[in-house]
Amino acid sequence: MQEYRAYLLGIDGHIRERMELESETDEEAVAKARQHFSGGTIEIWQGVRIVARLDNGSK
């Protein structure tokens, strides 16, 4: 398992909510973040690497 962090960003670009998660793959981490945060801009990170940025639920 790999460790990831997901952030829900506000319209001002600041972090509104944070989630830590473990997943086998990047795709699984993105799916978990989508399930946890409904809508809005989400960033998924693994260490210093950005895995994905989802704007209003899209990739």
N, C-alpha and C. Protein backbone atom coordinates (compact mmCIF):
# COMPACT_ATOMS: atom_id res chain seq x y z
N MET A 1 0.84 -1.19 0.00
CA MET A 1 0.00 0.00 0.00
C MET A 1 0.88 1.24 0.00
N GLN A 2 0.41 2.24 -0.73
CA GLN A 2 1.12 3.51 -0.80
C GLN A 2 0.29 4.58 -0.08
N GLU A 3 0.97 5.57 0.45
CA GLU A 3 0.28 6.65 1.18
C GLU A 3 0.04 7.84 0.26
N TYR A 4 -1.16 8.39 0.36
CA TYR A 4 -1.58 9.55 -0.44
C TYR A 4 -2.25 10.56 0.47
N ARG A 5 -2.35 11.79 -0.02
CA ARG A 5 -3.14 12.84 0.63
C ARG A 5 -4.05 13.45 -0.43
N ALA A 6 -5.26 13.74 -0.03
CA ALA A 6 -6.21 14.41 -0.93
C ALA A 6 -6.67 15.69 -0.25
N TYR A 7 -6.78 16.73 -1.05
CA TYR A 7 -7.19 18.04 -0.54
C TYR A 7 -8.39 18.54 -1.31
N LEU A 8 -9.37 19.06 -0.60
CA LEU A 8 -10.49 19.78 -1.20
C LEU A 8 -10.14 21.26 -1.12
N LEU A 9 -10.08 21.91 -2.27
CA LEU A 9 -9.70 23.33 -2.33
C LEU A 9 -10.92 24.21 -2.44
N GLY A 10 -10.86 25.36 -1.79
CA GLY A 10 -11.91 26.36 -1.91
C GLY A 10 -11.73 27.17 -3.19
N ILE A 11 -12.69 28.02 -3.50
CA ILE A 11 -12.60 28.83 -4.72
C ILE A 11 -11.42 29.80 -4.67
N ASP A 12 -10.92 30.06 -3.46
CA ASP A 12 -9.75 30.93 -3.32
C ASP A 12 -8.43 30.15 -3.46
N GLY A 13 -8.52 28.82 -3.67
CA GLY A 13 -7.34 27.99 -3.83
C GLY A 13 -6.76 27.46 -2.53
N HIS A 14 -7.33 27.84 -1.39
CA HIS A 14 -6.84 27.37 -0.10
C HIS A 14 -7.49 26.03 0.26
N ILE A 15 -6.78 25.24 1.04
CA ILE A 15 -7.28 23.94 1.46
C ILE A 15 -8.44 24.11 2.43
N ARG A 16 -9.56 23.45 2.10
CA ARG A 16 -10.73 23.47 2.97
C ARG A 16 -10.82 22.20 3.81
N GLU A 17 -10.36 21.09 3.22
CA GLU A 17 -10.42 19.81 3.92
C GLU A 17 -9.29 18.92 3.42
N ARG A 18 -8.80 18.05 4.31
CA ARG A 18 -7.68 17.16 3.98
C ARG A 18 -8.06 15.74 4.35
N MET A 19 -7.57 14.79 3.55
CA MET A 19 -7.83 13.38 3.79
C MET A 19 -6.55 12.60 3.53
N GLU A 20 -6.19 11.69 4.43
CA GLU A 20 -5.07 10.79 4.19
C GLU A 20 -5.64 9.44 3.82
N LEU A 21 -5.01 8.78 2.85
CA LEU A 21 -5.51 7.48 2.42
C LEU A 21 -4.38 6.59 1.96
N GLU A 22 -4.65 5.31 1.92
CA GLU A 22 -3.71 4.32 1.41
C GLU A 22 -4.37 3.60 0.24
N SER A 23 -3.60 3.39 -0.82
CA SER A 23 -4.12 2.74 -2.01
C SER A 23 -2.99 1.97 -2.68
N GLU A 24 -3.37 0.99 -3.48
CA GLU A 24 -2.41 0.21 -4.25
C GLU A 24 -1.90 0.99 -5.46
N THR A 25 -2.79 1.79 -6.08
CA THR A 25 -2.45 2.50 -7.32
C THR A 25 -2.93 3.95 -7.27
N ASP A 26 -2.40 4.75 -8.18
CA ASP A 26 -2.86 6.14 -8.31
C ASP A 26 -4.35 6.18 -8.62
N GLU A 27 -4.78 5.31 -9.52
CA GLU A 27 -6.19 5.30 -9.95
C GLU A 27 -7.12 5.00 -8.78
N GLU A 28 -6.71 4.09 -7.91
CA GLU A 28 -7.51 3.76 -6.74
C GLU A 28 -7.57 4.96 -5.78
N ALA A 29 -6.46 5.66 -5.62
CA ALA A 29 -6.43 6.84 -4.76
C ALA A 29 -7.36 7.93 -5.29
N VAL A 30 -7.36 8.13 -6.61
CA VAL A 30 -8.24 9.12 -7.22
C VAL A 30 -9.70 8.73 -6.99
N ALA A 31 -10.03 7.47 -7.18
CA ALA A 31 -11.41 7.00 -6.97
C ALA A 31 -11.85 7.20 -5.52
N LYS A 32 -10.98 6.90 -4.57
CA LYS A 32 -11.31 7.09 -3.15
C LYS A 32 -11.54 8.57 -2.83
N ALA A 33 -10.70 9.44 -3.38
CA ALA A 33 -10.85 10.87 -3.13
C ALA A 33 -12.17 11.38 -3.73
N ARG A 34 -12.51 10.91 -4.93
CA ARG A 34 -13.78 11.31 -5.56
C ARG A 34 -14.97 10.89 -4.70
N GLN A 35 -14.90 9.70 -4.12
CA GLN A 35 -15.99 9.22 -3.27
C GLN A 35 -16.11 10.05 -2.00
N HIS A 36 -14.98 10.44 -1.44
CA HIS A 36 -14.98 11.18 -0.18
C HIS A 36 -15.44 12.63 -0.35
N PHE A 37 -14.93 13.29 -1.39
CA PHE A 37 -15.27 14.69 -1.65
C PHE A 37 -16.24 14.74 -2.82
N SER A 38 -17.40 15.32 -2.61
CA SER A 38 -18.36 15.43 -3.71
C SER A 38 -18.27 16.82 -4.34
N GLY A 39 -17.73 16.86 -5.56
CA GLY A 39 -17.61 18.13 -6.27
C GLY A 39 -16.46 18.96 -5.77
N GLY A 40 -16.31 20.14 -6.33
CA GLY A 40 -15.22 21.03 -5.95
C GLY A 40 -13.92 20.62 -6.61
N THR A 41 -12.87 21.35 -6.31
CA THR A 41 -11.55 21.05 -6.85
C THR A 41 -10.80 20.20 -5.84
N ILE A 42 -10.29 19.07 -6.31
CA ILE A 42 -9.59 18.10 -5.47
C ILE A 42 -8.19 17.89 -6.03
N GLU A 43 -7.20 17.90 -5.15
CA GLU A 43 -5.84 17.52 -5.54
C GLU A 43 -5.44 16.28 -4.76
N ILE A 44 -4.83 15.32 -5.46
CA ILE A 44 -4.34 14.11 -4.84
C ILE A 44 -2.83 14.09 -4.97
N TRP A 45 -2.14 13.89 -3.86
CA TRP A 45 -0.68 13.93 -3.81
C TRP A 45 -0.14 12.64 -3.21
N GLN A 46 1.05 12.26 -3.68
CA GLN A 46 1.82 11.19 -3.06
C GLN A 46 3.20 11.78 -2.80
N GLY A 47 3.48 12.10 -1.56
CA GLY A 47 4.72 12.81 -1.24
C GLY A 47 4.72 14.17 -1.91
N VAL A 48 5.77 14.48 -2.67
CA VAL A 48 5.86 15.76 -3.36
C VAL A 48 5.32 15.69 -4.79
N ARG A 49 4.81 14.52 -5.19
CA ARG A 49 4.29 14.32 -6.55
C ARG A 49 2.78 14.51 -6.59
N ILE A 50 2.32 15.39 -7.48
CA ILE A 50 0.89 15.52 -7.65
C ILE A 50 0.42 14.41 -8.58
N VAL A 51 -0.58 13.69 -8.13
CA VAL A 51 -1.12 12.55 -8.87
C VAL A 51 -2.21 13.02 -9.82
N ALA A 52 -3.11 13.88 -9.30
CA ALA A 52 -4.22 14.36 -10.13
C ALA A 52 -4.79 15.64 -9.52
N ARG A 53 -5.39 16.43 -10.41
CA ARG A 53 -6.17 17.59 -9.99
C ARG A 53 -7.51 17.46 -10.68
N LEU A 54 -8.56 17.37 -9.89
CA LEU A 54 -9.90 17.19 -10.41
C LEU A 54 -10.68 18.47 -10.18
N ASP A 55 -11.10 19.10 -11.24
CA ASP A 55 -11.88 20.32 -11.16
C ASP A 55 -13.35 19.99 -11.27
N ASN A 56 -14.09 20.23 -10.17
CA ASN A 56 -15.51 19.93 -10.11
C ASN A 56 -15.83 18.49 -10.49
N GLY A 57 -14.98 17.57 -10.01
CA GLY A 57 -15.23 16.16 -10.20
C GLY A 57 -14.70 15.57 -11.50
N SER A 58 -14.12 16.39 -12.40
CA SER A 58 -13.58 15.85 -13.65
C SER A 58 -12.07 15.84 -13.58
N LYS A 59 -11.46 15.02 -14.40
CA LYS A 59 -10.00 14.90 -14.38
C LYS A 59 -9.35 15.91 -15.31
